[in-house]
């Protein structure tokens, strides 16, 4: 991996609103949402990485908190965190990414 941080990206296909909320320090209500994301590629920062065939096109669920209307858009790119990327590549689900 050469010390590079790898981040998979995918296209948002669905957003499921759970109805579970947290409130931040500024009084904003953030709703726990589950995104269905179809893996497409790695982020631009790792241009030489190639997504394995068994991972490309896989639909994964990402847990995120949403507050603003633009958080709920479909068809946009969503980037996985490095630990989520490694979980997908190794086939081991976590609390924030599963399938």
N, C-alpha and C. Protein backbone atom coordinates (compact mmCIF):
# COMPACT_ATOMS: atom_id res chain seq x y z
N UNK A 1 0.83 -1.19 0.00
CA UNK A 1 0.00 0.00 0.00
C UNK A 1 0.87 1.25 0.00
N UNK A 2 2.13 1.16 0.27
CA UNK A 2 3.08 2.27 0.21
C UNK A 2 2.71 3.44 1.11
N UNK A 3 2.01 3.19 2.22
CA UNK A 3 1.66 4.24 3.15
C UNK A 3 0.54 5.15 2.68
N UNK A 4 -0.03 4.87 1.51
CA UNK A 4 -1.12 5.69 0.99
C UNK A 4 -2.42 5.32 1.69
N UNK A 5 -3.26 6.30 1.85
CA UNK A 5 -4.59 6.08 2.41
C UNK A 5 -5.52 5.78 1.24
N UNK A 6 -6.11 4.60 1.27
CA UNK A 6 -7.01 4.20 0.19
C UNK A 6 -8.45 4.44 0.62
N UNK A 7 -9.22 5.02 -0.31
CA UNK A 7 -10.64 5.27 -0.05
C UNK A 7 -11.44 4.86 -1.27
N UNK A 8 -12.33 3.90 -1.07
CA UNK A 8 -13.24 3.52 -2.14
C UNK A 8 -14.33 4.57 -2.28
N UNK A 9 -14.89 4.65 -3.48
CA UNK A 9 -16.03 5.52 -3.72
C UNK A 9 -17.12 4.72 -4.39
N UNK A 10 -18.32 5.25 -4.28
CA UNK A 10 -19.44 4.61 -4.94
C UNK A 10 -20.56 5.60 -5.17
N UNK A 11 -21.58 5.13 -5.87
CA UNK A 11 -22.74 5.95 -6.20
C UNK A 11 -23.87 5.62 -5.23
N UNK A 12 -24.49 6.66 -4.66
CA UNK A 12 -25.60 6.47 -3.72
C UNK A 12 -26.84 6.02 -4.50
N UNK A 13 -27.36 4.84 -4.14
CA UNK A 13 -28.55 4.31 -4.77
C UNK A 13 -29.81 4.54 -3.94
N UNK A 14 -29.64 4.56 -2.61
CA UNK A 14 -30.78 4.67 -1.72
C UNK A 14 -30.33 5.26 -0.39
N UNK A 15 -31.22 6.01 0.26
CA UNK A 15 -30.97 6.53 1.59
C UNK A 15 -32.16 6.13 2.47
N UNK A 16 -31.88 5.35 3.50
CA UNK A 16 -32.92 4.93 4.44
C UNK A 16 -32.80 5.77 5.70
N UNK A 17 -33.87 6.48 6.03
CA UNK A 17 -33.89 7.31 7.24
C UNK A 17 -34.37 6.44 8.39
N UNK A 18 -33.62 6.40 9.49
CA UNK A 18 -33.94 5.49 10.59
C UNK A 18 -34.85 6.12 11.64
N UNK A 19 -34.90 7.44 11.71
CA UNK A 19 -35.69 8.09 12.76
C UNK A 19 -34.93 8.26 14.07
N UNK A 20 -33.67 7.80 14.10
CA UNK A 20 -32.82 7.99 15.28
C UNK A 20 -32.06 9.31 15.12
N UNK A 21 -32.14 10.17 16.13
CA UNK A 21 -31.52 11.50 16.03
C UNK A 21 -30.51 11.72 17.15
N UNK A 22 -29.52 12.56 16.83
CA UNK A 22 -28.63 13.12 17.85
C UNK A 22 -28.66 14.63 17.63
N UNK A 23 -28.36 15.40 18.67
CA UNK A 23 -28.34 16.86 18.57
C UNK A 23 -26.91 17.32 18.84
N UNK A 24 -26.40 18.18 17.95
CA UNK A 24 -25.02 18.66 18.12
C UNK A 24 -24.99 19.88 19.04
N UNK A 25 -23.79 20.41 19.24
CA UNK A 25 -23.58 21.54 20.15
C UNK A 25 -24.31 22.81 19.71
N UNK A 26 -24.65 22.88 18.43
CA UNK A 26 -25.33 24.06 17.91
C UNK A 26 -26.84 23.86 17.83
N UNK A 27 -27.33 22.74 18.38
CA UNK A 27 -28.76 22.47 18.40
C UNK A 27 -29.33 21.84 17.15
N UNK A 28 -28.48 21.47 16.20
CA UNK A 28 -28.96 20.85 14.96
C UNK A 28 -29.24 19.37 15.21
N UNK A 29 -30.35 18.89 14.64
CA UNK A 29 -30.72 17.48 14.75
C UNK A 29 -30.15 16.70 13.57
N UNK A 30 -29.35 15.67 13.87
CA UNK A 30 -28.74 14.82 12.86
C UNK A 30 -29.40 13.46 12.92
N UNK A 31 -29.92 13.00 11.78
CA UNK A 31 -30.61 11.72 11.72
C UNK A 31 -29.67 10.63 11.22
N UNK A 32 -29.70 9.50 11.92
CA UNK A 32 -28.91 8.34 11.49
C UNK A 32 -29.56 7.79 10.21
N UNK A 33 -28.76 7.65 9.16
CA UNK A 33 -29.24 7.16 7.87
C UNK A 33 -28.36 6.01 7.40
N UNK A 34 -28.96 5.15 6.61
CA UNK A 34 -28.22 4.05 6.02
C UNK A 34 -28.25 4.23 4.51
N UNK A 35 -27.06 4.43 3.96
CA UNK A 35 -26.91 4.64 2.52
C UNK A 35 -26.60 3.31 1.85
N UNK A 36 -27.26 3.03 0.74
CA UNK A 36 -26.88 1.92 -0.11
C UNK A 36 -26.01 2.51 -1.21
N UNK A 37 -24.77 2.04 -1.28
CA UNK A 37 -23.78 2.60 -2.21
C UNK A 37 -23.24 1.48 -3.08
N UNK A 38 -23.21 1.72 -4.39
CA UNK A 38 -22.62 0.77 -5.33
C UNK A 38 -21.17 1.18 -5.57
N UNK A 39 -20.22 0.31 -5.21
CA UNK A 39 -18.80 0.62 -5.33
C UNK A 39 -18.42 0.77 -6.80
N UNK A 40 -17.73 1.89 -7.12
CA UNK A 40 -17.35 2.16 -8.50
C UNK A 40 -15.84 2.22 -8.70
N UNK A 41 -15.12 2.88 -7.79
CA UNK A 41 -13.68 3.06 -7.98
C UNK A 41 -13.03 3.55 -6.69
N UNK A 42 -11.73 3.82 -6.77
CA UNK A 42 -11.01 4.45 -5.67
C UNK A 42 -11.06 5.96 -5.87
N UNK A 43 -10.80 6.70 -4.80
CA UNK A 43 -10.78 8.16 -4.91
C UNK A 43 -9.63 8.60 -5.82
N UNK A 44 -9.69 9.84 -6.26
CA UNK A 44 -8.67 10.37 -7.18
C UNK A 44 -7.28 10.40 -6.56
N UNK A 45 -7.20 10.40 -5.25
CA UNK A 45 -5.89 10.51 -4.59
C UNK A 45 -5.06 9.23 -4.69
N UNK A 46 -5.68 8.15 -5.12
CA UNK A 46 -4.94 6.90 -5.33
C UNK A 46 -5.20 6.41 -6.76
N UNK A 47 -4.69 7.17 -7.75
CA UNK A 47 -5.03 6.89 -9.15
C UNK A 47 -4.50 5.54 -9.66
N UNK A 48 -3.50 4.98 -9.02
CA UNK A 48 -2.94 3.72 -9.51
C UNK A 48 -3.60 2.49 -8.91
N UNK A 49 -4.52 2.70 -7.97
CA UNK A 49 -5.24 1.58 -7.36
C UNK A 49 -6.32 1.07 -8.32
N UNK A 50 -6.49 -0.24 -8.34
CA UNK A 50 -7.52 -0.85 -9.17
C UNK A 50 -8.48 -1.61 -8.26
N UNK A 51 -9.77 -1.35 -8.43
CA UNK A 51 -10.78 -2.02 -7.62
C UNK A 51 -10.86 -3.48 -8.07
N UNK A 52 -10.73 -4.43 -7.15
CA UNK A 52 -10.85 -5.84 -7.52
C UNK A 52 -12.23 -6.13 -8.13
N UNK A 53 -12.27 -7.03 -9.09
CA UNK A 53 -13.52 -7.35 -9.78
C UNK A 53 -14.62 -7.80 -8.83
N UNK A 54 -14.25 -8.52 -7.76
CA UNK A 54 -15.26 -9.01 -6.83
C UNK A 54 -15.84 -7.90 -5.96
N UNK A 55 -15.20 -6.72 -5.97
CA UNK A 55 -15.67 -5.58 -5.18
C UNK A 55 -16.41 -4.57 -6.05
N UNK A 56 -15.95 -4.38 -7.28
CA UNK A 56 -16.58 -3.40 -8.19
C UNK A 56 -18.04 -3.80 -8.41
N UNK A 57 -18.93 -2.83 -8.20
CA UNK A 57 -20.36 -3.08 -8.40
C UNK A 57 -21.05 -3.63 -7.16
N UNK A 58 -20.29 -3.99 -6.12
CA UNK A 58 -20.90 -4.49 -4.89
C UNK A 58 -21.70 -3.38 -4.23
N UNK A 59 -22.84 -3.75 -3.71
CA UNK A 59 -23.68 -2.80 -2.99
C UNK A 59 -23.42 -2.96 -1.50
N UNK A 60 -22.98 -1.87 -0.88
CA UNK A 60 -22.69 -1.88 0.56
C UNK A 60 -23.58 -0.87 1.25
N UNK A 61 -23.75 -1.05 2.54
CA UNK A 61 -24.53 -0.13 3.37
C UNK A 61 -23.56 0.69 4.21
N UNK A 62 -23.74 2.00 4.19
CA UNK A 62 -22.92 2.91 4.98
C UNK A 62 -23.81 3.62 6.00
N UNK A 63 -23.37 3.67 7.23
CA UNK A 63 -24.11 4.39 8.27
C UNK A 63 -23.51 5.79 8.39
N UNK A 64 -24.37 6.79 8.22
CA UNK A 64 -23.94 8.18 8.33
C UNK A 64 -25.03 8.97 9.06
N UNK A 65 -24.67 10.14 9.56
CA UNK A 65 -25.64 11.04 10.16
C UNK A 65 -25.88 12.20 9.21
N UNK A 66 -27.14 12.55 8.99
CA UNK A 66 -27.53 13.55 8.01
C UNK A 66 -28.33 14.66 8.69
N UNK A 67 -28.10 15.88 8.23
CA UNK A 67 -28.81 17.02 8.81
C UNK A 67 -29.42 17.90 7.72
N UNK A 68 -28.72 18.10 6.65
CA UNK A 68 -29.13 19.04 5.62
C UNK A 68 -29.72 18.31 4.43
N UNK A 69 -30.57 18.99 3.66
CA UNK A 69 -31.27 18.34 2.55
C UNK A 69 -30.30 17.74 1.52
N UNK A 70 -29.15 18.38 1.31
CA UNK A 70 -28.22 17.85 0.32
C UNK A 70 -27.55 16.55 0.79
N UNK A 71 -27.67 16.18 2.03
CA UNK A 71 -27.14 14.90 2.52
C UNK A 71 -27.94 13.71 1.97
N UNK A 72 -29.15 13.96 1.52
CA UNK A 72 -30.06 12.88 1.12
C UNK A 72 -30.10 12.66 -0.39
N UNK A 73 -29.22 13.28 -1.15
CA UNK A 73 -29.26 13.18 -2.60
C UNK A 73 -28.88 11.78 -3.09
N UNK A 74 -29.58 11.34 -4.12
CA UNK A 74 -29.29 10.07 -4.77
C UNK A 74 -28.43 10.32 -6.01
N UNK A 75 -27.64 9.31 -6.39
CA UNK A 75 -26.83 9.41 -7.59
C UNK A 75 -25.51 10.13 -7.41
N UNK A 76 -25.24 10.66 -6.22
CA UNK A 76 -23.98 11.36 -5.97
C UNK A 76 -22.91 10.38 -5.52
N UNK A 77 -21.66 10.83 -5.59
CA UNK A 77 -20.55 9.99 -5.11
C UNK A 77 -20.45 10.07 -3.60
N UNK A 78 -20.17 8.95 -2.99
CA UNK A 78 -19.95 8.87 -1.55
C UNK A 78 -18.61 8.17 -1.36
N UNK A 79 -17.76 8.75 -0.51
CA UNK A 79 -16.44 8.18 -0.25
C UNK A 79 -16.43 7.46 1.07
N UNK A 80 -15.90 6.25 1.07
CA UNK A 80 -15.77 5.47 2.29
C UNK A 80 -14.53 5.93 3.05
N UNK A 81 -14.56 5.81 4.35
CA UNK A 81 -13.39 6.10 5.18
C UNK A 81 -12.35 5.00 4.96
N UNK A 82 -11.08 5.26 5.28
CA UNK A 82 -10.04 4.24 5.07
C UNK A 82 -10.34 2.92 5.77
N UNK A 83 -10.83 2.95 7.01
CA UNK A 83 -11.13 1.70 7.70
C UNK A 83 -12.31 0.97 7.05
N UNK A 84 -13.28 1.73 6.52
CA UNK A 84 -14.40 1.12 5.81
C UNK A 84 -13.93 0.49 4.50
N UNK A 85 -13.01 1.18 3.81
CA UNK A 85 -12.45 0.66 2.57
C UNK A 85 -11.76 -0.68 2.83
N UNK A 86 -10.92 -0.73 3.86
CA UNK A 86 -10.20 -1.97 4.17
C UNK A 86 -11.18 -3.07 4.58
N UNK A 87 -12.27 -2.71 5.26
CA UNK A 87 -13.28 -3.70 5.65
C UNK A 87 -13.94 -4.31 4.41
N UNK A 88 -14.28 -3.48 3.44
CA UNK A 88 -14.90 -3.98 2.21
C UNK A 88 -13.92 -4.86 1.44
N UNK A 89 -12.68 -4.40 1.32
CA UNK A 89 -11.68 -5.16 0.57
C UNK A 89 -11.37 -6.51 1.23
N UNK A 90 -11.44 -6.57 2.56
CA UNK A 90 -11.13 -7.82 3.26
C UNK A 90 -12.39 -8.66 3.52
N UNK A 91 -13.57 -8.11 3.20
CA UNK A 91 -14.80 -8.86 3.37
C UNK A 91 -15.27 -8.98 4.81
N UNK A 92 -14.87 -8.01 5.65
CA UNK A 92 -15.24 -8.04 7.07
C UNK A 92 -16.08 -6.81 7.42
N UNK A 93 -17.40 -6.98 7.60
CA UNK A 93 -18.26 -5.84 7.93
C UNK A 93 -17.89 -5.19 9.26
N UNK A 94 -18.25 -3.90 9.41
CA UNK A 94 -18.01 -3.16 10.66
C UNK A 94 -19.33 -2.50 11.07
N UNK A 95 -19.27 -1.67 12.10
CA UNK A 95 -20.46 -0.96 12.56
C UNK A 95 -20.95 0.07 11.54
N UNK A 96 -20.04 0.60 10.71
CA UNK A 96 -20.44 1.65 9.77
C UNK A 96 -20.49 1.20 8.33
N UNK A 97 -20.02 0.00 8.01
CA UNK A 97 -20.13 -0.51 6.64
C UNK A 97 -20.41 -2.01 6.70
N UNK A 98 -21.42 -2.41 5.95
CA UNK A 98 -21.79 -3.84 5.89
C UNK A 98 -22.54 -4.07 4.58
N UNK A 99 -22.89 -5.35 4.33
CA UNK A 99 -23.62 -5.68 3.09
C UNK A 99 -24.62 -6.75 3.34
